[in-house]
Amino acid sequence: MNVRMDKRLIELLNQHGAQITWEQFRAAYAVRMQERYDDPKAVARRAREQKRLDAELEHYRKAMAAQ
C-alpha cells in the first residue's frame, strides 16, 4: 500500500489514538526506507540493473568508436 505522507494523515492517526508527531512519523519512515534499501533482494536487483546499464553503456561506446 502506498500512502501519501502529509500532515493530515498524522492528524487522522492522532484522532484514532496513535499520538504521533510528524517528526516521529518521518523518523520511522526513514528507518523503514533504509530497511527496504538494505534488503538482500533489493541489493541484488540494483546490482543486476547496474550490470545491465554498464553493458549497455559499453555497447554504445563501442558503437561510437566504430564511427
C-alpha atoms as a PDB file:
ATOM      1  CA  MET A   1       0.000   0.000   0.000  1.00  0.00           C
ATOM      2  CA  ASN A   2       1.282   3.446  -0.860  1.00  0.00           C
ATOM      3  CA  VAL A   3       0.426   6.304   1.452  1.00  0.00           C
ATOM      4  CA  ARG A   4       0.763   9.989   0.724  1.00  0.00           C
ATOM      5  CA  MET A   5       2.785  11.388   3.577  1.00  0.00           C
ATOM      6  CA  ASP A   6       1.176  14.591   4.730  1.00  0.00           C
ATOM      7  CA  LYS A   7       0.290  16.211   7.997  1.00  0.00           C
ATOM      8  CA  ARG A   8      -3.404  15.427   7.561  1.00  0.00           C
ATOM      9  CA  LEU A   9      -2.558  11.730   7.800  1.00  0.00           C
ATOM     10  CA  ILE A  10      -0.878  12.414  11.137  1.00  0.00           C
ATOM     11  CA  GLU A  11      -3.949  14.334  12.314  1.00  0.00           C
ATOM     12  CA  LEU A  12      -6.175  11.381  11.414  1.00  0.00           C
ATOM     13  CA  LEU A  13      -3.864   8.917  13.171  1.00  0.00           C
ATOM     14  CA  ASN A  14      -3.924  11.102  16.272  1.00  0.00           C
ATOM     15  CA  GLN A  15      -7.724  11.245  16.168  1.00  0.00           C
ATOM     16  CA  HIS A  16      -7.684   7.451  16.254  1.00  0.00           C
ATOM     17  CA  GLY A  17      -5.399   7.375  19.279  1.00  0.00           C
ATOM     18  CA  ALA A  18      -1.960   6.964  17.709  1.00  0.00           C
ATOM     19  CA  GLN A  19      -0.472  10.094  19.308  1.00  0.00           C
ATOM     20  CA  ILE A  20       2.373  10.522  16.844  1.00  0.00           C
ATOM     21  CA  THR A  21       4.113  13.682  15.690  1.00  0.00           C
ATOM     22  CA  TRP A  22       5.164  14.494  12.163  1.00  0.00           C
ATOM     23  CA  GLU A  23       8.815  14.187  13.191  1.00  0.00           C
ATOM     24  CA  GLN A  24       8.236  10.744  14.723  1.00  0.00           C
ATOM     25  CA  PHE A  25       6.485   9.614  11.575  1.00  0.00           C
ATOM     26  CA  ARG A  26       9.307  10.883   9.364  1.00  0.00           C
ATOM     27  CA  ALA A  27      11.922   9.181  11.565  1.00  0.00           C
ATOM     28  CA  ALA A  28      10.060   5.863  11.453  1.00  0.00           C
ATOM     29  CA  TYR A  29       9.605   6.196   7.689  1.00  0.00           C
ATOM     30  CA  ALA A  30      13.333   6.835   7.236  1.00  0.00           C
ATOM     31  CA  VAL A  31      14.140   3.675   9.203  1.00  0.00           C
ATOM     32  CA  ARG A  32      11.747   1.660   7.045  1.00  0.00           C
ATOM     33  CA  MET A  33      13.170   3.062   3.818  1.00  0.00           C
ATOM     34  CA  GLN A  34      16.675   2.102   4.945  1.00  0.00           C
ATOM     35  CA  GLU A  35      15.449  -1.424   5.752  1.00  0.00           C
ATOM     36  CA  ARG A  36      13.981  -1.712   2.262  1.00  0.00           C
ATOM     37  CA  TYR A  37      17.185  -0.358   0.689  1.00  0.00           C
ATOM     38  CA  ASP A  38      19.328  -2.852   2.637  1.00  0.00           C
ATOM     39  CA  ASP A  39      17.120  -5.858   1.826  1.00  0.00           C
ATOM     40  CA  PRO A  40      19.255  -8.554   0.118  1.00  0.00           C
ATOM     41  CA  LYS A  41      16.757  -8.878  -2.736  1.00  0.00           C
ATOM     42  CA  ALA A  42      16.861  -5.128  -3.367  1.00  0.00           C
ATOM     43  CA  VAL A  43      20.667  -5.130  -3.262  1.00  0.00           C
ATOM     44  CA  ALA A  44      20.766  -7.966  -5.815  1.00  0.00           C
ATOM     45  CA  ARG A  45      18.194  -6.208  -8.015  1.00  0.00           C
ATOM     46  CA  ARG A  46      20.247  -2.986  -8.014  1.00  0.00           C
ATOM     47  CA  ALA A  47      23.416  -4.955  -8.845  1.00  0.00           C
ATOM     48  CA  ARG A  48      21.693  -6.660 -11.792  1.00  0.00           C
ATOM     49  CA  GLU A  49      20.397  -3.330 -13.062  1.00  0.00           C
ATOM     50  CA  GLN A  50      23.838  -1.729 -12.728  1.00  0.00           C
ATOM     51  CA  LYS A  51      25.413  -4.618 -14.644  1.00  0.00           C
ATOM     52  CA  ARG A  52      22.805  -4.226 -17.404  1.00  0.00           C
ATOM     53  CA  LEU A  53      23.383  -0.478 -17.600  1.00  0.00           C
ATOM     54  CA  ASP A  54      27.167  -0.936 -17.709  1.00  0.00           C
ATOM     55  CA  ALA A  55      26.823  -3.410 -20.590  1.00  0.00           C
ATOM     56  CA  GLU A  56      24.523  -1.030 -22.450  1.00  0.00           C
ATOM     57  CA  LEU A  57      26.931   1.860 -21.961  1.00  0.00           C
ATOM     58  CA  GLU A  58      29.852  -0.249 -23.201  1.00  0.00           C
ATOM     59  CA  HIS A  59      27.819  -1.205 -26.277  1.00  0.00           C
ATOM     60  CA  TYR A  60      27.182   2.468 -27.077  1.00  0.00           C
ATOM     61  CA  ARG A  61      30.833   3.358 -26.513  1.00  0.00           C
ATOM     62  CA  LYS A  62      31.927   0.681 -28.978  1.00  0.00           C
ATOM     63  CA  ALA A  63      29.342   1.865 -31.488  1.00  0.00           C
ATOM     64  CA  MET A  64      30.560   5.450 -31.188  1.00  0.00           C
ATOM     65  CA  ALA A  65      34.200   4.392 -31.514  1.00  0.00           C
ATOM     66  CA  ALA A  66      33.397   2.434 -34.666  1.00  0.00           C
ATOM     67  CA  GLN A  67      32.034   5.517 -36.447  1.00  0.00           C
END
